[in-house]
Amino acid sequence: MSSRLITGESLKYGVNIELYAIIETGGKQYRVQEGDSLSLEKLPALVGETVEIGKVLAAVDGEGALLVGDPYVDGAAVQVKVTRHGRGKKIIVFKYKSKKNYRRKQGHRQAFTQVTVEKIELKPRTDIELKPETNIAEEQGGNDIGA
């Protein structure tokens, strides 16, 4: 696993970029910042516990540099605190076959865990192995059109 650093131009223009991360949990991806509250697929944790999510796909530090994981960012983690557990709104699953007197009605409520993002931890940028920037045209053997 390795990480790639892509520097932005936010510092050049004086734009203040907040720290955020894109995490993966429960088969879904979420963009989170510190203080965010979100509903995840049910986690095996009690209310009030802190859970560490280590599957960080990408992160932007406060300086505007984008860290992209391969597949995950090395040394990055997101600390979330479990606020509550619950079940979503009921949906009706109705199976029906015409002219066969076949009808099945079933309800479903998906379990979820409400969490609050407490902290996004990133490795210092000096510890990240950076890949040198190269010109794509040079890698592919130049720009020989029609040769």
N, C-alpha and C. Protein backbone atom coordinates (compact mmCIF):
# COMPACT_ATOMS: atom_id res chain seq x y z
N MET A 1 0.84 -1.17 0.00
CA MET A 1 0.00 0.00 0.00
C MET A 1 0.88 1.24 0.00
N SER A 2 0.49 2.20 -0.78
CA SER A 2 1.23 3.46 -0.80
C SER A 2 0.24 4.59 -0.93
N SER A 3 0.73 5.78 -0.68
CA SER A 3 -0.10 6.97 -0.78
C SER A 3 0.51 7.90 -1.79
N ARG A 4 -0.32 8.70 -2.39
CA ARG A 4 0.14 9.67 -3.36
C ARG A 4 -0.28 11.05 -2.89
N LEU A 5 0.58 12.02 -3.03
CA LEU A 5 0.30 13.37 -2.59
C LEU A 5 0.10 14.25 -3.81
N ILE A 6 -1.02 14.94 -3.84
CA ILE A 6 -1.30 15.87 -4.92
C ILE A 6 -1.47 17.24 -4.27
N THR A 7 -0.61 18.18 -4.63
CA THR A 7 -0.69 19.49 -4.01
C THR A 7 -1.67 20.37 -4.75
N GLY A 8 -2.41 21.13 -3.99
CA GLY A 8 -3.41 22.02 -4.58
C GLY A 8 -2.87 23.43 -4.67
N GLU A 9 -3.65 24.31 -5.24
CA GLU A 9 -3.26 25.70 -5.38
C GLU A 9 -4.02 26.57 -4.40
N SER A 10 -4.56 25.97 -3.32
CA SER A 10 -5.36 26.73 -2.38
C SER A 10 -4.52 27.76 -1.63
N LEU A 11 -3.27 27.42 -1.31
CA LEU A 11 -2.43 28.36 -0.59
C LEU A 11 -2.05 29.55 -1.47
N LYS A 12 -1.91 29.32 -2.75
CA LYS A 12 -1.54 30.38 -3.68
C LYS A 12 -2.60 31.48 -3.70
N TYR A 13 -3.86 31.08 -3.60
CA TYR A 13 -4.95 32.04 -3.68
C TYR A 13 -5.51 32.42 -2.31
N GLY A 14 -4.93 31.91 -1.25
CA GLY A 14 -5.36 32.27 0.10
C GLY A 14 -6.66 31.63 0.54
N VAL A 15 -7.06 30.54 -0.08
CA VAL A 15 -8.30 29.87 0.30
C VAL A 15 -7.99 28.92 1.45
N ASN A 16 -8.83 28.95 2.48
CA ASN A 16 -8.62 28.08 3.63
C ASN A 16 -9.37 26.77 3.41
N ILE A 17 -8.64 25.68 3.24
CA ILE A 17 -9.23 24.37 3.02
C ILE A 17 -9.32 23.66 4.37
N GLU A 18 -10.50 23.12 4.68
CA GLU A 18 -10.66 22.38 5.92
C GLU A 18 -10.23 20.94 5.72
N LEU A 19 -9.85 20.33 6.82
CA LEU A 19 -9.44 18.93 6.82
C LEU A 19 -10.67 18.05 6.62
N TYR A 20 -10.65 17.18 5.64
CA TYR A 20 -11.73 16.21 5.45
C TYR A 20 -11.16 14.91 4.93
N ALA A 21 -11.97 13.86 5.02
CA ALA A 21 -11.54 12.54 4.57
C ALA A 21 -12.71 11.83 3.91
N ILE A 22 -12.39 10.90 3.03
CA ILE A 22 -13.39 10.03 2.42
C ILE A 22 -13.13 8.63 2.98
N ILE A 23 -14.12 8.12 3.71
CA ILE A 23 -13.97 6.83 4.38
C ILE A 23 -14.89 5.80 3.75
N GLU A 24 -14.58 4.54 4.01
CA GLU A 24 -15.40 3.43 3.52
C GLU A 24 -15.80 2.58 4.71
N THR A 25 -17.11 2.38 4.87
CA THR A 25 -17.62 1.51 5.92
C THR A 25 -18.99 1.00 5.51
N GLY A 26 -19.24 -0.25 5.77
CA GLY A 26 -20.53 -0.84 5.43
C GLY A 26 -20.80 -0.90 3.94
N GLY A 27 -19.75 -0.95 3.12
CA GLY A 27 -19.92 -1.02 1.68
C GLY A 27 -20.26 0.31 1.04
N LYS A 28 -20.19 1.39 1.80
CA LYS A 28 -20.51 2.72 1.27
C LYS A 28 -19.35 3.66 1.55
N GLN A 29 -19.32 4.78 0.83
CA GLN A 29 -18.27 5.78 1.02
C GLN A 29 -18.91 7.08 1.53
N TYR A 30 -18.22 7.73 2.46
CA TYR A 30 -18.72 8.95 3.06
C TYR A 30 -17.61 10.01 3.08
N ARG A 31 -18.00 11.26 2.82
CA ARG A 31 -17.07 12.39 2.97
C ARG A 31 -17.35 12.99 4.33
N VAL A 32 -16.33 13.01 5.22
CA VAL A 32 -16.54 13.44 6.60
C VAL A 32 -15.56 14.54 6.98
N GLN A 33 -16.02 15.41 7.87
CA GLN A 33 -15.20 16.42 8.50
C GLN A 33 -15.39 16.29 10.00
N GLU A 34 -14.49 16.88 10.77
CA GLU A 34 -14.62 16.82 12.22
C GLU A 34 -15.90 17.55 12.63
N GLY A 35 -16.67 16.91 13.50
CA GLY A 35 -17.92 17.49 13.96
C GLY A 35 -19.14 17.02 13.19
N ASP A 36 -18.95 16.34 12.06
CA ASP A 36 -20.08 15.85 11.27
C ASP A 36 -20.82 14.74 12.01
N SER A 37 -22.14 14.67 11.80
CA SER A 37 -22.95 13.60 12.33
C SER A 37 -23.54 12.85 11.14
N LEU A 38 -23.42 11.52 11.13
CA LEU A 38 -23.92 10.75 10.01
C LEU A 38 -24.40 9.39 10.45
N SER A 39 -25.23 8.78 9.61
CA SER A 39 -25.77 7.44 9.87
C SER A 39 -24.99 6.43 9.04
N LEU A 40 -24.44 5.42 9.71
CA LEU A 40 -23.69 4.36 9.05
C LEU A 40 -24.46 3.06 9.19
N GLU A 41 -24.04 2.05 8.44
CA GLU A 41 -24.58 0.72 8.65
C GLU A 41 -24.24 0.32 10.09
N LYS A 42 -25.04 -0.53 10.68
CA LYS A 42 -24.89 -0.86 12.10
C LYS A 42 -23.47 -1.31 12.44
N LEU A 43 -22.89 -0.67 13.46
CA LEU A 43 -21.55 -1.01 13.95
C LEU A 43 -21.67 -1.78 15.26
N PRO A 44 -20.78 -2.75 15.50
CA PRO A 44 -20.83 -3.51 16.75
C PRO A 44 -20.16 -2.75 17.89
N ALA A 45 -20.78 -1.66 18.34
CA ALA A 45 -20.23 -0.85 19.42
C ALA A 45 -21.38 -0.31 20.27
N LEU A 46 -21.11 -0.04 21.53
CA LEU A 46 -22.12 0.49 22.43
C LEU A 46 -22.19 2.01 22.30
N VAL A 47 -23.32 2.57 22.73
CA VAL A 47 -23.49 4.03 22.69
C VAL A 47 -22.45 4.67 23.61
N GLY A 48 -21.79 5.70 23.12
CA GLY A 48 -20.75 6.39 23.89
C GLY A 48 -19.34 5.90 23.59
N GLU A 49 -19.21 4.75 22.96
CA GLU A 49 -17.88 4.23 22.62
C GLU A 49 -17.29 4.99 21.44
N THR A 50 -15.96 4.99 21.36
CA THR A 50 -15.26 5.58 20.23
C THR A 50 -14.75 4.45 19.34
N VAL A 51 -15.02 4.57 18.05
CA VAL A 51 -14.62 3.55 17.09
C VAL A 51 -13.64 4.19 16.10
N GLU A 52 -12.59 3.46 15.75
CA GLU A 52 -11.63 3.95 14.77
C GLU A 52 -11.89 3.29 13.42
N ILE A 53 -12.07 4.12 12.40
CA ILE A 53 -12.27 3.62 11.04
C ILE A 53 -10.97 3.86 10.28
N GLY A 54 -10.30 2.78 9.89
CA GLY A 54 -9.00 2.88 9.24
C GLY A 54 -9.06 2.86 7.72
N LYS A 55 -10.24 2.62 7.16
CA LYS A 55 -10.37 2.57 5.70
C LYS A 55 -10.60 3.97 5.16
N VAL A 56 -9.51 4.73 5.07
CA VAL A 56 -9.56 6.10 4.54
C VAL A 56 -9.09 6.05 3.10
N LEU A 57 -9.99 6.34 2.17
CA LEU A 57 -9.67 6.28 0.74
C LEU A 57 -8.88 7.50 0.28
N ALA A 58 -9.22 8.67 0.82
CA ALA A 58 -8.55 9.91 0.45
C ALA A 58 -8.73 10.90 1.59
N ALA A 59 -7.84 11.88 1.65
CA ALA A 59 -7.93 12.90 2.69
C ALA A 59 -7.30 14.19 2.17
N VAL A 60 -7.83 15.31 2.65
CA VAL A 60 -7.26 16.61 2.35
C VAL A 60 -6.85 17.23 3.67
N ASP A 61 -5.56 17.59 3.77
CA ASP A 61 -5.11 18.22 5.01
C ASP A 61 -5.45 19.71 4.97
N GLY A 62 -5.15 20.41 6.04
CA GLY A 62 -5.50 21.82 6.16
C GLY A 62 -4.75 22.71 5.19
N GLU A 63 -3.71 22.20 4.54
CA GLU A 63 -2.93 23.00 3.60
C GLU A 63 -3.40 22.82 2.16
N GLY A 64 -4.42 22.00 1.95
CA GLY A 64 -4.96 21.81 0.61
C GLY A 64 -4.32 20.69 -0.17
N ALA A 65 -3.47 19.88 0.48
CA ALA A 65 -2.83 18.76 -0.21
C ALA A 65 -3.74 17.55 -0.13
N LEU A 66 -3.97 16.91 -1.26
CA LEU A 66 -4.84 15.74 -1.34
C LEU A 66 -3.99 14.49 -1.23
N LEU A 67 -4.33 13.63 -0.27
CA LEU A 67 -3.68 12.33 -0.11
C LEU A 67 -4.62 11.28 -0.68
N VAL A 68 -4.17 10.53 -1.67
CA VAL A 68 -4.98 9.50 -2.30
C VAL A 68 -4.38 8.15 -1.94
N GLY A 69 -5.21 7.25 -1.43
CA GLY A 69 -4.74 5.93 -1.02
C GLY A 69 -4.69 4.96 -2.17
N ASP A 70 -3.97 3.86 -1.93
CA ASP A 70 -3.84 2.83 -2.96
C ASP A 70 -3.94 1.45 -2.30
N PRO A 71 -5.05 0.95 -1.84
CA PRO A 71 -6.39 1.53 -1.87
C PRO A 71 -6.69 2.46 -0.70
N TYR A 72 -5.93 2.36 0.40
CA TYR A 72 -6.18 3.20 1.57
C TYR A 72 -4.96 4.05 1.88
N VAL A 73 -5.18 5.19 2.51
CA VAL A 73 -4.10 6.10 2.89
C VAL A 73 -3.38 5.51 4.09
N ASP A 74 -2.05 5.39 3.98
CA ASP A 74 -1.25 4.83 5.07
C ASP A 74 -1.29 5.75 6.29
N GLY A 75 -1.51 5.15 7.46
CA GLY A 75 -1.46 5.90 8.71
C GLY A 75 -2.63 6.85 8.95
N ALA A 76 -3.64 6.80 8.13
CA ALA A 76 -4.80 7.68 8.31
C ALA A 76 -5.92 6.91 9.00
N ALA A 77 -6.64 7.59 9.88
CA ALA A 77 -7.76 6.98 10.58
C ALA A 77 -8.75 8.07 10.97
N VAL A 78 -9.99 7.68 11.14
CA VAL A 78 -11.04 8.60 11.56
C VAL A 78 -11.64 8.05 12.85
N GLN A 79 -11.67 8.89 13.89
CA GLN A 79 -12.26 8.51 15.17
C GLN A 79 -13.70 8.99 15.20
N VAL A 80 -14.65 8.06 15.41
CA VAL A 80 -16.06 8.43 15.50
C VAL A 80 -16.62 7.96 16.84
N LYS A 81 -17.55 8.73 17.37
CA LYS A 81 -18.20 8.38 18.63
C LYS A 81 -19.63 7.97 18.34
N VAL A 82 -20.04 6.82 18.85
CA VAL A 82 -21.38 6.30 18.62
C VAL A 82 -22.37 7.12 19.44
N THR A 83 -23.35 7.71 18.75
CA THR A 83 -24.36 8.54 19.41
C THR A 83 -25.59 7.70 19.75
N ARG A 84 -26.06 6.91 18.79
CA ARG A 84 -27.22 6.06 19.04
C ARG A 84 -27.32 4.99 17.97
N HIS A 85 -28.12 3.98 18.28
CA HIS A 85 -28.47 2.93 17.32
C HIS A 85 -29.94 3.07 17.01
N GLY A 86 -30.34 2.67 15.82
CA GLY A 86 -31.75 2.76 15.48
C GLY A 86 -32.08 1.93 14.27
N ARG A 87 -33.33 2.04 13.85
CA ARG A 87 -33.80 1.34 12.66
C ARG A 87 -34.49 2.36 11.78
N GLY A 88 -34.27 2.25 10.48
CA GLY A 88 -34.81 3.20 9.53
C GLY A 88 -36.30 3.04 9.31
N LYS A 89 -36.82 3.84 8.40
CA LYS A 89 -38.23 3.80 8.04
C LYS A 89 -38.56 2.46 7.39
N LYS A 90 -39.76 1.96 7.66
CA LYS A 90 -40.16 0.66 7.12
C LYS A 90 -40.44 0.76 5.63
N ILE A 91 -39.90 -0.22 4.90
CA ILE A 91 -40.23 -0.34 3.48
C ILE A 91 -41.02 -1.64 3.30
N ILE A 92 -41.88 -1.66 2.30
CA ILE A 92 -42.71 -2.83 2.03
C ILE A 92 -42.13 -3.56 0.82
N VAL A 93 -41.90 -4.87 0.98
CA VAL A 93 -41.47 -5.72 -0.11
C VAL A 93 -42.68 -6.56 -0.51
N PHE A 94 -43.20 -6.33 -1.71
CA PHE A 94 -44.40 -7.03 -2.16
C PHE A 94 -44.09 -7.80 -3.42
N LYS A 95 -44.22 -9.12 -3.35
CA LYS A 95 -43.99 -9.98 -4.51
C LYS A 95 -45.35 -10.40 -5.06
N TYR A 96 -45.48 -10.38 -6.38
CA TYR A 96 -46.76 -10.63 -7.00
C TYR A 96 -46.55 -11.27 -8.36
N LYS A 97 -47.31 -12.32 -8.63
CA LYS A 97 -47.30 -12.94 -9.96
C LYS A 97 -48.75 -12.96 -10.45
N SER A 98 -48.94 -12.38 -11.61
CA SER A 98 -50.31 -12.27 -12.11
C SER A 98 -50.89 -13.62 -12.50
N LYS A 99 -52.17 -13.76 -12.29
CA LYS A 99 -52.96 -14.93 -12.68
C LYS A 99 -52.54 -16.23 -11.97
N LYS A 100 -51.72 -16.15 -10.95
CA LYS A 100 -51.24 -17.36 -10.26
C LYS A 100 -51.61 -17.36 -8.78
N ASN A 101 -52.35 -16.35 -8.33
CA ASN A 101 -52.74 -16.21 -6.92
C ASN A 101 -51.51 -16.27 -6.00
N TYR A 102 -50.42 -15.61 -6.41
CA TYR A 102 -49.18 -15.57 -5.63
C TYR A 102 -48.94 -14.14 -5.17
N ARG A 103 -49.06 -13.92 -3.86
CA ARG A 103 -48.82 -12.60 -3.28
C ARG A 103 -48.09 -12.79 -1.96
N ARG A 104 -46.98 -12.06 -1.78
CA ARG A 104 -46.21 -12.12 -0.53
C ARG A 104 -45.90 -10.69 -0.11
N LYS A 105 -46.27 -10.35 1.08
CA LYS A 105 -46.01 -9.00 1.61
C LYS A 105 -45.08 -9.13 2.81
N GLN A 106 -44.00 -8.34 2.77
CA GLN A 106 -43.00 -8.41 3.84
C GLN A 106 -42.48 -7.00 4.09
N GLY A 107 -42.23 -6.66 5.34
CA GLY A 107 -41.66 -5.36 5.69
C GLY A 107 -40.20 -5.49 6.07
N HIS A 108 -39.47 -4.38 5.96
CA HIS A 108 -38.05 -4.38 6.33
C HIS A 108 -37.66 -3.03 6.91
N ARG A 109 -36.91 -3.05 7.99
CA ARG A 109 -36.35 -1.82 8.57
C ARG A 109 -34.86 -2.03 8.73
N GLN A 110 -34.06 -1.20 8.07
CA GLN A 110 -32.60 -1.34 8.08
C GLN A 110 -32.03 -0.75 9.37
N ALA A 111 -31.17 -1.51 10.04
CA ALA A 111 -30.52 -1.04 11.26
C ALA A 111 -29.40 -0.07 10.90
N PHE A 112 -29.20 0.97 11.74
CA PHE A 112 -28.13 1.93 11.50
C PHE A 112 -27.51 2.35 12.82
N THR A 113 -26.35 2.99 12.72
CA THR A 113 -25.67 3.57 13.87
C THR A 113 -25.41 5.03 13.58
N GLN A 114 -25.88 5.91 14.45
CA GLN A 114 -25.64 7.35 14.32
C GLN A 114 -24.31 7.65 15.01
N VAL A 115 -23.39 8.30 14.29
CA VAL A 115 -22.07 8.61 14.85
C VAL A 115 -21.74 10.08 14.64
N THR A 116 -20.80 10.57 15.45
CA THR A 116 -20.26 11.92 15.31
C THR A 116 -18.75 11.79 15.10
N VAL A 117 -18.23 12.48 14.08
CA VAL A 117 -16.80 12.42 13.79
C VAL A 117 -16.07 13.29 14.80
N GLU A 118 -15.16 12.68 15.56
CA GLU A 118 -14.42 13.42 16.57
C GLU A 118 -13.07 13.92 16.06
N LYS A 119 -12.35 13.05 15.34
CA LYS A 119 -10.99 13.40 14.96
C LYS A 119 -10.59 12.69 13.67
N ILE A 120 -9.87 13.40 12.81
CA ILE A 120 -9.29 12.81 11.61
C ILE A 120 -7.78 12.83 11.81
N GLU A 121 -7.18 11.65 11.83
CA GLU A 121 -5.74 11.54 12.07
C GLU A 121 -5.03 11.24 10.76
N LEU A 122 -4.01 12.04 10.44
CA LEU A 122 -3.19 11.81 9.26
C LEU A 122 -1.74 11.74 9.68
N LYS A 123 -0.97 10.94 8.96
CA LYS A 123 0.47 10.90 9.16
C LYS A 123 1.07 12.24 8.76
N PRO A 124 2.13 12.68 9.41
CA PRO A 124 2.80 13.89 8.92
C PRO A 124 3.27 13.68 7.49
N ARG A 125 3.21 14.74 6.70
CA ARG A 125 3.54 14.61 5.28
C ARG A 125 4.98 14.22 5.04
N THR A 126 5.88 14.43 5.97
CA THR A 126 7.27 14.06 5.77
C THR A 126 7.45 12.54 5.80
N ASP A 127 6.50 11.82 6.45
CA ASP A 127 6.58 10.36 6.54
C ASP A 127 6.03 9.67 5.31
N ILE A 128 5.36 10.39 4.43
CA ILE A 128 4.72 9.78 3.27
C ILE A 128 5.73 9.68 2.13
N GLU A 129 5.79 8.49 1.54
CA GLU A 129 6.67 8.31 0.39
C GLU A 129 5.99 8.90 -0.84
N LEU A 130 6.62 9.89 -1.41
CA LEU A 130 6.03 10.59 -2.53
C LEU A 130 6.54 10.01 -3.85
N LYS A 131 5.66 9.88 -4.81
CA LYS A 131 6.05 9.46 -6.14
C LYS A 131 6.45 10.71 -6.92
N PRO A 132 7.54 10.67 -7.65
CA PRO A 132 7.97 11.86 -8.38
C PRO A 132 6.97 12.22 -9.47
N GLU A 133 6.80 13.52 -9.66
CA GLU A 133 5.90 13.97 -10.72
C GLU A 133 6.59 13.81 -12.06
N THR A 134 5.89 13.24 -13.01
CA THR A 134 6.45 13.04 -14.34
C THR A 134 5.47 13.55 -15.37
N ASN A 135 5.97 13.87 -16.51
CA ASN A 135 5.13 14.31 -17.60
C ASN A 135 4.55 13.08 -18.28
N ILE A 136 3.24 13.03 -18.43
CA ILE A 136 2.58 11.85 -19.00
C ILE A 136 3.03 11.63 -20.44
N ALA A 137 3.22 12.70 -21.20
CA ALA A 137 3.64 12.56 -22.60
C ALA A 137 5.02 11.92 -22.68
N GLU A 138 5.91 12.26 -21.75
CA GLU A 138 7.26 11.68 -21.75
C GLU A 138 7.19 10.19 -21.42
N GLU A 139 6.29 9.80 -20.48
CA GLU A 139 6.16 8.40 -20.12
C GLU A 139 5.68 7.55 -21.29
N GLN A 140 4.81 8.13 -22.11
CA GLN A 140 4.23 7.37 -23.21
C GLN A 140 5.07 7.47 -24.48
N GLY A 141 6.24 8.06 -24.41
CA GLY A 141 7.13 8.09 -25.56
C GLY A 141 6.99 9.34 -26.41
N GLY A 142 6.52 10.42 -25.80
CA GLY A 142 6.41 11.67 -26.55
C GLY A 142 5.06 11.85 -27.19
N ASN A 143 4.95 12.92 -27.92
CA ASN A 143 3.69 13.27 -28.55
C ASN A 143 3.84 13.15 -30.07
N ASP A 144 3.98 11.93 -30.53
CA ASP A 144 4.19 11.67 -31.96
C ASP A 144 2.85 11.41 -32.63
N ILE A 145 2.25 12.43 -33.13
CA ILE A 145 0.97 12.27 -33.81
C ILE A 145 1.23 12.06 -35.28
N GLY A 146 0.72 10.98 -35.81
CA GLY A 146 0.84 10.67 -37.24
C GLY A 146 2.19 10.12 -37.63
N ALA A 147 3.02 9.73 -36.68
CA ALA A 147 4.34 9.23 -37.04
C ALA A 147 4.33 7.73 -37.21
